[in-house]
C-alpha atoms as a PDB file:
ATOM      1  CA  MET A   1      90.985  41.949  -3.538  1.00  0.00           C
ATOM      2  CA  SER A   2      91.656  44.969  -1.322  1.00  0.00           C
ATOM      3  CA  SER A   3      92.217  44.741   2.396  1.00  0.00           C
ATOM      4  CA  THR A   4      89.252  44.162   4.647  1.00  0.00           C
ATOM      5  CA  PRO A   5      88.911  47.588   6.319  1.00  0.00           C
ATOM      6  CA  LYS A   6      89.779  47.854   9.992  1.00  0.00           C
ATOM      7  CA  SER A   7      89.486  44.151  10.812  1.00  0.00           C
ATOM      8  CA  LEU A   8      91.262  42.155  13.510  1.00  0.00           C
ATOM      9  CA  ALA A   9      91.783  38.411  13.028  1.00  0.00           C
ATOM     10  CA  MET A  10      91.764  36.748  16.459  1.00  0.00           C
ATOM     11  CA  PHE A  11      93.098  33.202  16.808  1.00  0.00           C
ATOM     12  CA  PRO A  12      91.999  31.071  19.786  1.00  0.00           C
ATOM     13  CA  GLY A  13      94.155  29.191  22.251  1.00  0.00           C
ATOM     14  CA  GLN A  14      94.025  25.910  24.094  1.00  0.00           C
ATOM     15  CA  GLY A  15      90.615  24.938  25.371  1.00  0.00           C
ATOM     16  CA  SER A  16      88.919  25.652  22.045  1.00  0.00           C
ATOM     17  CA  GLN A  17      89.522  22.115  20.781  1.00  0.00           C
ATOM     18  CA  ARG A  18      86.641  19.675  20.359  1.00  0.00           C
ATOM     19  CA  ALA A  19      86.116  16.284  18.757  1.00  0.00           C
ATOM     20  CA  GLY A  20      85.548  16.489  15.003  1.00  0.00           C
ATOM     21  CA  MET A  21      86.451  20.152  14.830  1.00  0.00           C
ATOM     22  CA  ALA A  22      87.939  19.942  11.316  1.00  0.00           C
ATOM     23  CA  GLU A  23      85.381  17.599   9.762  1.00  0.00           C
ATOM     24  CA  PHE A  24      83.245  20.326   8.179  1.00  0.00           C
ATOM     25  CA  LEU A  25      86.310  22.148   6.848  1.00  0.00           C
ATOM     26  CA  LEU A  26      87.704  19.099   5.082  1.00  0.00           C
ATOM     27  CA  SER A  27      84.262  18.096   3.808  1.00  0.00           C
ATOM     28  CA  HIS A  28      83.230  21.484   2.416  1.00  0.00           C
ATOM     29  CA  TYR A  29      86.618  23.056   1.590  1.00  0.00           C
ATOM     30  CA  PRO A  30      88.800  20.024   0.821  1.00  0.00           C
ATOM     31  CA  GLU A  31      91.416  21.815  -1.272  1.00  0.00           C
ATOM     32  CA  ALA A  32      92.115  24.802   0.981  1.00  0.00           C
ATOM     33  CA  ALA A  33      91.763  22.983   4.299  1.00  0.00           C
ATOM     34  CA  GLY A  34      93.434  19.875   2.908  1.00  0.00           C
ATOM     35  CA  ARG A  35      96.591  21.811   2.032  1.00  0.00           C
ATOM     36  CA  ILE A  36      97.022  22.926   5.628  1.00  0.00           C
ATOM     37  CA  PHE A  37      96.342  19.523   7.153  1.00  0.00           C
ATOM     38  CA  ALA A  38      98.664  17.799   4.676  1.00  0.00           C
ATOM     39  CA  THR A  39     101.377  20.227   5.782  1.00  0.00           C
ATOM     40  CA  ALA A  40     100.619  19.464   9.432  1.00  0.00           C
ATOM     41  CA  ASP A  41     100.728  15.704   8.869  1.00  0.00           C
ATOM     42  CA  ARG A  42     104.135  15.986   7.181  1.00  0.00           C
ATOM     43  CA  ALA A  43     105.511  18.257   9.903  1.00  0.00           C
ATOM     44  CA  LEU A  44     104.387  15.957  12.716  1.00  0.00           C
ATOM     45  CA  GLY A  45     104.951  12.557  11.168  1.00  0.00           C
ATOM     46  CA  PHE A  46     101.465  11.304  12.026  1.00  0.00           C
ATOM     47  CA  SER A  47      97.905  11.969  10.871  1.00  0.00           C
ATOM     48  CA  LEU A  48      96.722  15.043  12.712  1.00  0.00           C
ATOM     49  CA  THR A  49      94.018  15.153  10.044  1.00  0.00           C
ATOM     50  CA  GLU A  50      92.518  11.897  11.291  1.00  0.00           C
ATOM     51  CA  LEU A  51      92.596  13.077  14.904  1.00  0.00           C
ATOM     52  CA  CYS A  52      90.877  16.364  14.011  1.00  0.00           C
ATOM     53  CA  VAL A  53      88.154  14.559  12.083  1.00  0.00           C
ATOM     54  CA  SER A  54      87.471  11.370  14.027  1.00  0.00           C
ATOM     55  CA  GLY A  55      89.584  11.499  17.192  1.00  0.00           C
ATOM     56  CA  SER A  56      87.799  11.303  20.532  1.00  0.00           C
ATOM     57  CA  ALA A  57      87.452  14.260  22.898  1.00  0.00           C
ATOM     58  CA  THR A  58      89.967  12.564  25.201  1.00  0.00           C
ATOM     59  CA  GLU A  59      92.535  12.129  22.430  1.00  0.00           C
ATOM     60  CA  ILE A  60      92.207  15.680  21.179  1.00  0.00           C
ATOM     61  CA  ALA A  61      92.437  17.146  24.706  1.00  0.00           C
ATOM     62  CA  CYS A  62      96.008  15.942  25.327  1.00  0.00           C
ATOM     63  CA  THR A  63      98.163  19.063  25.413  1.00  0.00           C
ATOM     64  CA  GLU A  64     100.703  17.807  22.895  1.00  0.00           C
ATOM     65  CA  ILE A  65      97.856  17.000  20.446  1.00  0.00           C
ATOM     66  CA  ALA A  66      95.489  19.864  21.253  1.00  0.00           C
ATOM     67  CA  GLN A  67      98.050  22.559  20.513  1.00  0.00           C
ATOM     68  CA  PRO A  68      98.962  21.559  16.936  1.00  0.00           C
ATOM     69  CA  ALA A  69      95.323  20.585  16.307  1.00  0.00           C
ATOM     70  CA  ILE A  70      94.031  24.046  17.209  1.00  0.00           C
ATOM     71  CA  VAL A  71      96.747  25.801  15.202  1.00  0.00           C
ATOM     72  CA  ALA A  72      96.144  23.599  12.140  1.00  0.00           C
ATOM     73  CA  THR A  73      92.375  24.043  12.306  1.00  0.00           C
ATOM     74  CA  SER A  74      92.720  27.805  12.691  1.00  0.00           C
ATOM     75  CA  LEU A  75      95.143  27.949   9.757  1.00  0.00           C
ATOM     76  CA  ALA A  76      92.736  25.882   7.669  1.00  0.00           C
ATOM     77  CA  VAL A  77      89.915  28.356   8.337  1.00  0.00           C
ATOM     78  CA  LEU A  78      92.255  31.226   7.490  1.00  0.00           C
ATOM     79  CA  GLU A  79      93.209  29.510   4.228  1.00  0.00           C
ATOM     80  CA  VAL A  80      89.543  29.144   3.285  1.00  0.00           C
ATOM     81  CA  LEU A  81      88.817  32.800   4.058  1.00  0.00           C
ATOM     82  CA  SER A  82      91.969  34.065   2.367  1.00  0.00           C
ATOM     83  CA  GLU A  83      91.044  32.321  -0.881  1.00  0.00           C
ATOM     84  CA  LYS A  84      87.874  34.432  -0.938  1.00  0.00           C
ATOM     85  CA  GLY A  85      89.708  37.683  -0.266  1.00  0.00           C
ATOM     86  CA  PHE A  86      89.787  38.053   3.524  1.00  0.00           C
ATOM     87  CA  ARG A  87      92.653  40.401   4.388  1.00  0.00           C
ATOM     88  CA  PRO A  88      92.756  41.504   8.055  1.00  0.00           C
ATOM     89  CA  SER A  89      94.270  44.817   9.064  1.00  0.00           C
ATOM     90  CA  LEU A  90      95.819  43.353  12.230  1.00  0.00           C
ATOM     91  CA  VAL A  91      96.187  39.873  13.722  1.00  0.00           C
ATOM     92  CA  THR A  92      96.469  38.549  17.249  1.00  0.00           C
ATOM     93  CA  GLY A  93      96.189  35.307  19.169  1.00  0.00           C
ATOM     94  CA  HIS A  94      95.266  34.272  22.682  1.00  0.00           C
ATOM     95  CA  SER A  95      98.353  32.464  24.014  1.00  0.00           C
ATOM     96  CA  LEU A  96      98.726  29.465  21.663  1.00  0.00           C
ATOM     97  CA  GLY A  97      96.806  31.437  19.026  1.00  0.00           C
ATOM     98  CA  GLU A  98      99.747  33.800  18.721  1.00  0.00           C
ATOM     99  CA  TYR A  99     101.548  31.143  16.665  1.00  0.00           C
ATOM    100  CA  THR A 100      98.705  31.183  14.151  1.00  0.00           C
ATOM    101  CA  ALA A 101      98.822  34.984  14.112  1.00  0.00           C
ATOM    102  CA  LEU A 102     102.546  34.874  13.342  1.00  0.00           C
ATOM    103  CA  VAL A 103     101.886  32.574  10.382  1.00  0.00           C
ATOM    104  CA  ALA A 104      99.199  34.989   9.157  1.00  0.00           C
ATOM    105  CA  ALA A 105     101.780  37.796   9.389  1.00  0.00           C
ATOM    106  CA  GLN A 106     104.386  35.666   7.548  1.00  0.00           C
ATOM    107  CA  VAL A 107     106.712  35.604  10.540  1.00  0.00           C
ATOM    108  CA  LEU A 108     106.602  31.789  10.716  1.00  0.00           C
ATOM    109  CA  ALA A 109     105.989  29.131   8.076  1.00  0.00           C
ATOM    110  CA  PRO A 110     102.914  26.969   8.789  1.00  0.00           C
ATOM    111  CA  GLN A 111     104.948  23.784   9.214  1.00  0.00           C
ATOM    112  CA  ASP A 112     107.311  25.530  11.621  1.00  0.00           C
ATOM    113  CA  ALA A 113     104.492  26.870  13.782  1.00  0.00           C
ATOM    114  CA  ILE A 114     102.937  23.396  13.959  1.00  0.00           C
ATOM    115  CA  GLY A 115     106.254  21.787  14.870  1.00  0.00           C
ATOM    116  CA  LEU A 116     106.908  24.393  17.541  1.00  0.00           C
ATOM    117  CA  VAL A 117     103.545  24.029  19.227  1.00  0.00           C
ATOM    118  CA  ARG A 118     103.884  20.252  19.238  1.00  0.00           C
ATOM    119  CA  ARG A 119     107.125  20.634  21.209  1.00  0.00           C
ATOM    120  CA  ARG A 120     105.570  23.368  23.372  1.00  0.00           C
ATOM    121  CA  GLY A 121     102.743  21.003  24.258  1.00  0.00           C
ATOM    122  CA  GLU A 122     105.131  18.176  25.105  1.00  0.00           C
ATOM    123  CA  LEU A 123     107.132  20.381  27.458  1.00  0.00           C
ATOM    124  CA  MET A 124     104.015  21.778  29.137  1.00  0.00           C
ATOM    125  CA  ALA A 125     102.670  18.263  29.617  1.00  0.00           C
ATOM    126  CA  ARG A 126     105.932  17.342  31.330  1.00  0.00           C
ATOM    127  CA  VAL A 127     105.419  20.122  33.870  1.00  0.00           C
ATOM    128  CA  SER A 128     101.878  18.915  34.469  1.00  0.00           C
ATOM    129  CA  ASP A 129     103.123  15.376  35.108  1.00  0.00           C
ATOM    130  CA  LYS A 130     105.461  16.666  37.823  1.00  0.00           C
ATOM    131  CA  VAL A 131     103.210  19.198  39.575  1.00  0.00           C
ATOM    132  CA  PRO A 132      99.495  18.868  40.456  1.00  0.00           C
ATOM    133  CA  GLY A 133      98.466  22.166  38.900  1.00  0.00           C
ATOM    134  CA  ALA A 134      95.146  23.920  38.341  1.00  0.00           C
ATOM    135  CA  MET A 135      93.596  26.980  36.734  1.00  0.00           C
ATOM    136  CA  ALA A 136      90.441  28.813  37.752  1.00  0.00           C
ATOM    137  CA  ALA A 137      88.440  31.716  36.365  1.00  0.00           C
ATOM    138  CA  ILE A 138      87.307  34.352  38.853  1.00  0.00           C
ATOM    139  CA  PHE A 139      84.389  36.583  37.909  1.00  0.00           C
ATOM    140  CA  GLY A 140      83.404  39.896  39.437  1.00  0.00           C
ATOM    141  CA  LEU A 141      86.631  41.154  41.010  1.00  0.00           C
ATOM    142  CA  PRO A 142      89.189  43.599  39.574  1.00  0.00           C
ATOM    143  CA  VAL A 143      92.464  42.040  38.491  1.00  0.00           C
ATOM    144  CA  GLU A 144      94.369  44.276  40.910  1.00  0.00           C
ATOM    145  CA  LEU A 145      92.571  42.735  43.899  1.00  0.00           C
ATOM    146  CA  ILE A 146      93.194  39.220  42.596  1.00  0.00           C
ATOM    147  CA  GLU A 147      96.898  40.025  42.298  1.00  0.00           C
ATOM    148  CA  VAL A 148      96.889  41.141  45.952  1.00  0.00           C
ATOM    149  CA  ILE A 149      95.113  37.935  47.011  1.00  0.00           C
ATOM    150  CA  CYS A 150      97.662  35.784  45.176  1.00  0.00           C
ATOM    151  CA  ALA A 151     100.621  37.731  46.565  1.00  0.00           C
ATOM    152  CA  GLY A 152      99.410  37.176  50.121  1.00  0.00           C
ATOM    153  CA  LEU A 153      99.306  33.374  49.935  1.00  0.00           C
ATOM    154  CA  PRO A 154     101.947  31.101  51.516  1.00  0.00           C
ATOM    155  CA  ALA A 155     105.204  30.906  49.593  1.00  0.00           C
ATOM    156  CA  ASP A 156     105.221  27.100  49.475  1.00  0.00           C
ATOM    157  CA  GLY A 157     102.638  27.127  46.672  1.00  0.00           C
ATOM    158  CA  VAL A 158     101.886  29.062  43.492  1.00  0.00           C
ATOM    159  CA  ALA A 159      98.824  31.079  42.481  1.00  0.00           C
ATOM    160  CA  GLU A 160      99.305  33.798  39.882  1.00  0.00           C
ATOM    161  CA  VAL A 161      97.258  35.758  37.369  1.00  0.00           C
ATOM    162  CA  ALA A 162      97.444  33.832  34.097  1.00  0.00           C
ATOM    163  CA  ASN A 163      94.860  35.574  31.871  1.00  0.00           C
ATOM    164  CA  HIS A 164      93.345  39.027  32.196  1.00  0.00           C
ATOM    165  CA  ASN A 165      90.507  38.308  29.780  1.00  0.00           C
ATOM    166  CA  GLU A 166      88.114  41.166  30.547  1.00  0.00           C
ATOM    167  CA  ALA A 167      87.424  43.645  33.326  1.00  0.00           C
ATOM    168  CA  GLY A 168      85.383  41.175  35.357  1.00  0.00           C
ATOM    169  CA  GLN A 169      87.106  37.928  34.381  1.00  0.00           C
ATOM    170  CA  THR A 170      90.581  36.885  35.474  1.00  0.00           C
ATOM    171  CA  VAL A 171      92.125  33.416  35.313  1.00  0.00           C
ATOM    172  CA  ILE A 172      94.642  32.275  37.916  1.00  0.00           C
ATOM    173  CA  SER A 173      97.084  29.395  37.600  1.00  0.00           C
ATOM    174  CA  GLY A 174      99.389  27.463  39.899  1.00  0.00           C
ATOM    175  CA  THR A 175      99.574  24.547  42.289  1.00  0.00           C
ATOM    176  CA  ARG A 176      96.215  22.923  42.925  1.00  0.00           C
ATOM    177  CA  ASN A 177      95.889  23.589  46.660  1.00  0.00           C
ATOM    178  CA  THR A 178      97.066  27.193  46.416  1.00  0.00           C
ATOM    179  CA  VAL A 179      94.732  27.997  43.527  1.00  0.00           C
ATOM    180  CA  ALA A 180      91.857  26.532  45.565  1.00  0.00           C
ATOM    181  CA  GLN A 181      92.849  28.693  48.530  1.00  0.00           C
ATOM    182  CA  ALA A 182      92.968  31.800  46.327  1.00  0.00           C
ATOM    183  CA  THR A 183      89.489  31.121  44.955  1.00  0.00           C
ATOM    184  CA  ARG A 184      88.051  30.724  48.474  1.00  0.00           C
ATOM    185  CA  ILE A 185      89.480  34.098  49.443  1.00  0.00           C
ATOM    186  CA  ALA A 186      88.155  35.626  46.216  1.00  0.00           C
ATOM    187  CA  VAL A 187      84.655  34.424  47.050  1.00  0.00           C
ATOM    188  CA  ALA A 188      84.994  35.932  50.526  1.00  0.00           C
ATOM    189  CA  TYR A 189      85.908  39.241  48.854  1.00  0.00           C
ATOM    190  CA  GLY A 190      82.739  39.130  46.756  1.00  0.00           C
ATOM    191  CA  ALA A 191      83.606  37.247  43.574  1.00  0.00           C
ATOM    192  CA  HIS A 192      80.366  36.494  41.724  1.00  0.00           C
ATOM    193  CA  ARG A 193      81.521  33.133  40.485  1.00  0.00           C
ATOM    194  CA  VAL A 194      84.560  30.862  40.395  1.00  0.00           C
ATOM    195  CA  VAL A 195      85.030  28.159  37.742  1.00  0.00           C
ATOM    196  CA  GLU A 196      87.816  25.595  37.842  1.00  0.00           C
ATOM    197  CA  LEU A 197      89.035  25.142  34.275  1.00  0.00           C
ATOM    198  CA  ASP A 198      89.326  21.740  32.669  1.00  0.00           C
ATOM    199  CA  VAL A 199      92.942  22.066  31.561  1.00  0.00           C
ATOM    200  CA  SER A 200      95.833  19.649  31.424  1.00  0.00           C
ATOM    201  CA  ALA A 201      98.543  21.945  32.805  1.00  0.00           C
ATOM    202  CA  PRO A 202      98.978  25.122  34.904  1.00  0.00           C
ATOM    203  CA  PHE A 203      99.652  27.467  31.994  1.00  0.00           C
ATOM    204  CA  HIS A 204     101.064  31.007  32.204  1.00  0.00           C
ATOM    205  CA  CYS A 205     102.560  30.886  35.689  1.00  0.00           C
ATOM    206  CA  SER A 206     106.029  30.471  37.178  1.00  0.00           C
ATOM    207  CA  LEU A 207     105.676  26.684  37.236  1.00  0.00           C
ATOM    208  CA  MET A 208     106.527  26.908  33.532  1.00  0.00           C
ATOM    209  CA  ASP A 209     109.859  28.636  34.232  1.00  0.00           C
ATOM    210  CA  GLU A 210     111.678  25.313  34.190  1.00  0.00           C
ATOM    211  CA  ILE A 211     110.976  24.719  30.489  1.00  0.00           C
ATOM    212  CA  GLU A 212     111.833  28.209  29.237  1.00  0.00           C
ATOM    213  CA  ASP A 213     115.484  27.513  28.383  1.00  0.00           C
ATOM    214  CA  GLU A 214     114.694  24.236  26.654  1.00  0.00           C
ATOM    215  CA  PHE A 215     111.940  25.823  24.601  1.00  0.00           C
ATOM    216  CA  ALA A 216     114.141  28.826  23.791  1.00  0.00           C
ATOM    217  CA  ALA A 217     116.653  26.404  22.265  1.00  0.00           C
ATOM    218  CA  GLU A 218     113.820  24.944  20.185  1.00  0.00           C
ATOM    219  CA  LEU A 219     112.774  28.419  19.029  1.00  0.00           C
ATOM    220  CA  ASP A 220     116.341  29.090  17.917  1.00  0.00           C
ATOM    221  CA  ARG A 221     116.119  26.191  15.467  1.00  0.00           C
ATOM    222  CA  TYR A 222     113.478  27.971  13.384  1.00  0.00           C
ATOM    223  CA  ASP A 223     113.580  30.938  11.034  1.00  0.00           C
ATOM    224  CA  PHE A 224     111.571  34.022  12.016  1.00  0.00           C
ATOM    225  CA  ALA A 225     110.881  36.909   9.626  1.00  0.00           C
ATOM    226  CA  SER A 226     109.798  40.455  10.342  1.00  0.00           C
ATOM    227  CA  PRO A 227     105.994  40.819  10.438  1.00  0.00           C
ATOM    228  CA  ARG A 228     104.389  41.628   7.074  1.00  0.00           C
ATOM    229  CA  LEU A 229     101.180  42.482   8.923  1.00  0.00           C
ATOM    230  CA  PRO A 230     100.811  44.117  12.362  1.00  0.00           C
ATOM    231  CA  VAL A 231     100.664  41.497  15.142  1.00  0.00           C
ATOM    232  CA  ILE A 232      99.410  42.421  18.617  1.00  0.00           C
ATOM    233  CA  SER A 233     101.200  40.270  21.176  1.00  0.00           C
ATOM    234  CA  SER A 234      99.141  38.728  23.967  1.00  0.00           C
ATOM    235  CA  VAL A 235     102.226  38.960  26.188  1.00  0.00           C
ATOM    236  CA  THR A 236     102.544  42.757  26.016  1.00  0.00           C
ATOM    237  CA  GLY A 237      99.280  43.878  24.433  1.00  0.00           C
ATOM    238  CA  GLU A 238     101.395  45.853  21.968  1.00  0.00           C
ATOM    239  CA  PRO A 239     102.433  45.362  18.326  1.00  0.00           C
ATOM    240  CA  VAL A 240     105.368  43.076  17.522  1.00  0.00           C
ATOM    241  CA  THR A 241     107.853  44.883  15.299  1.00  0.00           C
ATOM    242  CA  THR A 242     110.787  42.515  14.616  1.00  0.00           C
ATOM    243  CA  ALA A 243     111.540  38.838  14.073  1.00  0.00           C
ATOM    244  CA  GLU A 244     113.641  38.610  17.214  1.00  0.00           C
ATOM    245  CA  GLU A 245     110.951  40.276  19.319  1.00  0.00           C
ATOM    246  CA  ALA A 246     108.465  37.699  18.052  1.00  0.00           C
ATOM    247  CA  ARG A 247     110.829  34.877  19.011  1.00  0.00           C
ATOM    248  CA  TRP A 248     111.506  36.351  22.461  1.00  0.00           C
ATOM    249  CA  LEU A 249     107.831  36.881  23.233  1.00  0.00           C
ATOM    250  CA  LEU A 250     107.021  33.235  22.477  1.00  0.00           C
ATOM    251  CA  ARG A 251     109.512  32.298  25.169  1.00  0.00           C
ATOM    252  CA  CYS A 252     108.105  34.841  27.624  1.00  0.00           C
ATOM    253  CA  GLN A 253     104.593  33.618  26.907  1.00  0.00           C
ATOM    254  CA  LEU A 254     105.162  30.275  28.653  1.00  0.00           C
ATOM    255  CA  ALA A 255     105.165  31.698  32.172  1.00  0.00           C
ATOM    256  CA  GLY A 256     103.807  35.201  31.553  1.00  0.00           C
ATOM    257  CA  PRO A 257     100.137  36.215  31.739  1.00  0.00           C
ATOM    258  CA  VAL A 258      97.900  36.750  28.716  1.00  0.00           C
ATOM    259  CA  ARG A 259      96.955  40.451  28.586  1.00  0.00           C
ATOM    260  CA  TRP A 260      93.811  40.152  26.475  1.00  0.00           C
ATOM    261  CA  VAL A 261      92.245  43.342  27.806  1.00  0.00           C
ATOM    262  CA  ASP A 262      95.328  45.206  26.599  1.00  0.00           C
ATOM    263  CA  VAL A 263      95.160  43.447  23.214  1.00  0.00           C
ATOM    264  CA  LEU A 264      91.604  44.635  22.565  1.00  0.00           C
ATOM    265  CA  THR A 265      92.397  48.113  23.877  1.00  0.00           C
ATOM    266  CA  THR A 266      95.279  48.372  21.400  1.00  0.00           C
ATOM    267  CA  ALA A 267      93.019  47.127  18.596  1.00  0.00           C
ATOM    268  CA  GLN A 268      90.511  49.874  19.365  1.00  0.00           C
ATOM    269  CA  LEU A 269      93.288  52.474  19.336  1.00  0.00           C
ATOM    270  CA  HIS A 270      94.133  51.263  15.820  1.00  0.00           C
ATOM    271  CA  GLY A 271      90.559  51.920  14.738  1.00  0.00           C
ATOM    272  CA  ILE A 272      89.459  48.294  14.511  1.00  0.00           C
ATOM    273  CA  THR A 273      85.697  47.919  14.171  1.00  0.00           C
ATOM    274  CA  ASP A 274      85.464  44.348  12.785  1.00  0.00           C
ATOM    275  CA  TYR A 275      86.554  41.448  15.023  1.00  0.00           C
ATOM    276  CA  VAL A 276      86.758  37.957  13.514  1.00  0.00           C
ATOM    277  CA  GLU A 277      87.635  34.884  15.578  1.00  0.00           C
ATOM    278  CA  ILE A 278      89.291  32.413  13.217  1.00  0.00           C
ATOM    279  CA  GLY A 279      89.399  28.813  14.393  1.00  0.00           C
ATOM    280  CA  PRO A 280      87.441  26.311  16.457  1.00  0.00           C
ATOM    281  CA  GLY A 281      86.470  28.562  19.362  1.00  0.00           C
ATOM    282  CA  ARG A 282      83.978  31.276  20.278  1.00  0.00           C
ATOM    283  CA  VAL A 283      85.520  32.554  23.516  1.00  0.00           C
ATOM    284  CA  LEU A 284      87.378  35.459  21.908  1.00  0.00           C
ATOM    285  CA  SER A 285      84.373  36.637  19.943  1.00  0.00           C
ATOM    286  CA  GLY A 286      82.361  36.516  23.172  1.00  0.00           C
ATOM    287  CA  LEU A 287      84.941  38.667  24.947  1.00  0.00           C
ATOM    288  CA  ALA A 288      84.970  41.190  22.091  1.00  0.00           C
ATOM    289  CA  ASN A 289      81.177  41.344  22.069  1.00  0.00           C
ATOM    290  CA  ARG A 290      81.063  42.165  25.764  1.00  0.00           C
ATOM    291  CA  MET A 291      83.993  44.565  25.814  1.00  0.00           C
ATOM    292  CA  ILE A 292      83.530  46.619  22.648  1.00  0.00           C
ATOM    293  CA  SER A 293      80.225  48.381  22.187  1.00  0.00           C
ATOM    294  CA  GLY A 294      78.967  48.600  18.626  1.00  0.00           C
ATOM    295  CA  ALA A 295      81.667  46.411  17.085  1.00  0.00           C
ATOM    296  CA  SER A 296      81.020  43.847  14.373  1.00  0.00           C
ATOM    297  CA  VAL A 297      82.044  40.502  15.906  1.00  0.00           C
ATOM    298  CA  ARG A 298      81.983  37.164  14.092  1.00  0.00           C
ATOM    299  CA  SER A 299      83.277  33.636  14.638  1.00  0.00           C
ATOM    300  CA  THR A 300      84.084  30.711  12.341  1.00  0.00           C
ATOM    301  CA  ASN A 301      83.758  27.574  14.454  1.00  0.00           C
ATOM    302  CA  ASP A 302      81.154  25.803  12.326  1.00  0.00           C
ATOM    303  CA  LYS A 303      79.911  25.429   8.745  1.00  0.00           C
ATOM    304  CA  ARG A 304      77.138  28.001   9.066  1.00  0.00           C
ATOM    305  CA  ARG A 305      79.364  30.735  10.478  1.00  0.00           C
ATOM    306  CA  VAL A 306      82.123  30.195   7.914  1.00  0.00           C
ATOM    307  CA  ALA A 307      79.595  30.254   5.060  1.00  0.00           C
ATOM    308  CA  ALA A 308      78.035  33.461   6.414  1.00  0.00           C
ATOM    309  CA  LEU A 309      81.415  35.163   6.643  1.00  0.00           C
ATOM    310  CA  LEU A 310      82.393  34.075   3.145  1.00  0.00           C
ATOM    311  CA  GLN A 311      79.266  35.800   1.808  1.00  0.00           C
ATOM    312  CA  THR A 312      80.779  39.153   2.791  1.00  0.00           C
ATOM    313  CA  TYR A 313      83.878  38.807   0.581  1.00  0.00           C
END
């Protein structure tokens, strides 16, 4: 079937996991989804399938489990859609979701992406065990002001912009006390709302610097190919053009911020009018709905939404 015109496949990151998130996929699309989960189980040496079907919310929330679980579930949805002819024009992923995007672009093999994110999760969990970190979403202030607030805090702590998700929503990350101090100042400056995120590690800030070299060595163990489909990196907001650039950006992603506003801006410049979130979440489709007037935006996080999307191919 011909390419889906002007569509962007968006793959969600950590936080989109939930108990039973793959149950409907394996029940209704056992062959397509089963292939992906069988690959994941072999790559990991344990039954990720069982965890994604019947694991508790607590089990699935552990960073080292959540990351491969989200990637596998997203890949399973992609497999189901691809069998019916879904062919995106571009792909992208929010942080962790970039691994799924690289599989979609044939840069990484599915089993390699799942193995990498398992190790990524283990290393991130190690940082969390050492440092009492936190992340918080700040609504209603420009990212430039939040950067100024963070830069003015005492040097004995860390608070940095982690995600620039939309014009009025920025996530900060760092040490718990310093993040709390930054949010108090943000409220004083007129932030509409502050939400502490329920996360297991302070992602996308300099606290992750200590694991960069170790993870880079892990990345070097895997084969990367040049993208067969344009991939917009959440690190730069620009297309990835080579295998080595893809590898390097996955390293940079650990401590660097997610530039989601730039990702969607680049997608619009490429003429994208159809935005499809592929995986267990709905955050990215919500962001696209609010940021892009008149766009077609769809998600795939449950049986009804997947079935509706399949009707269009």
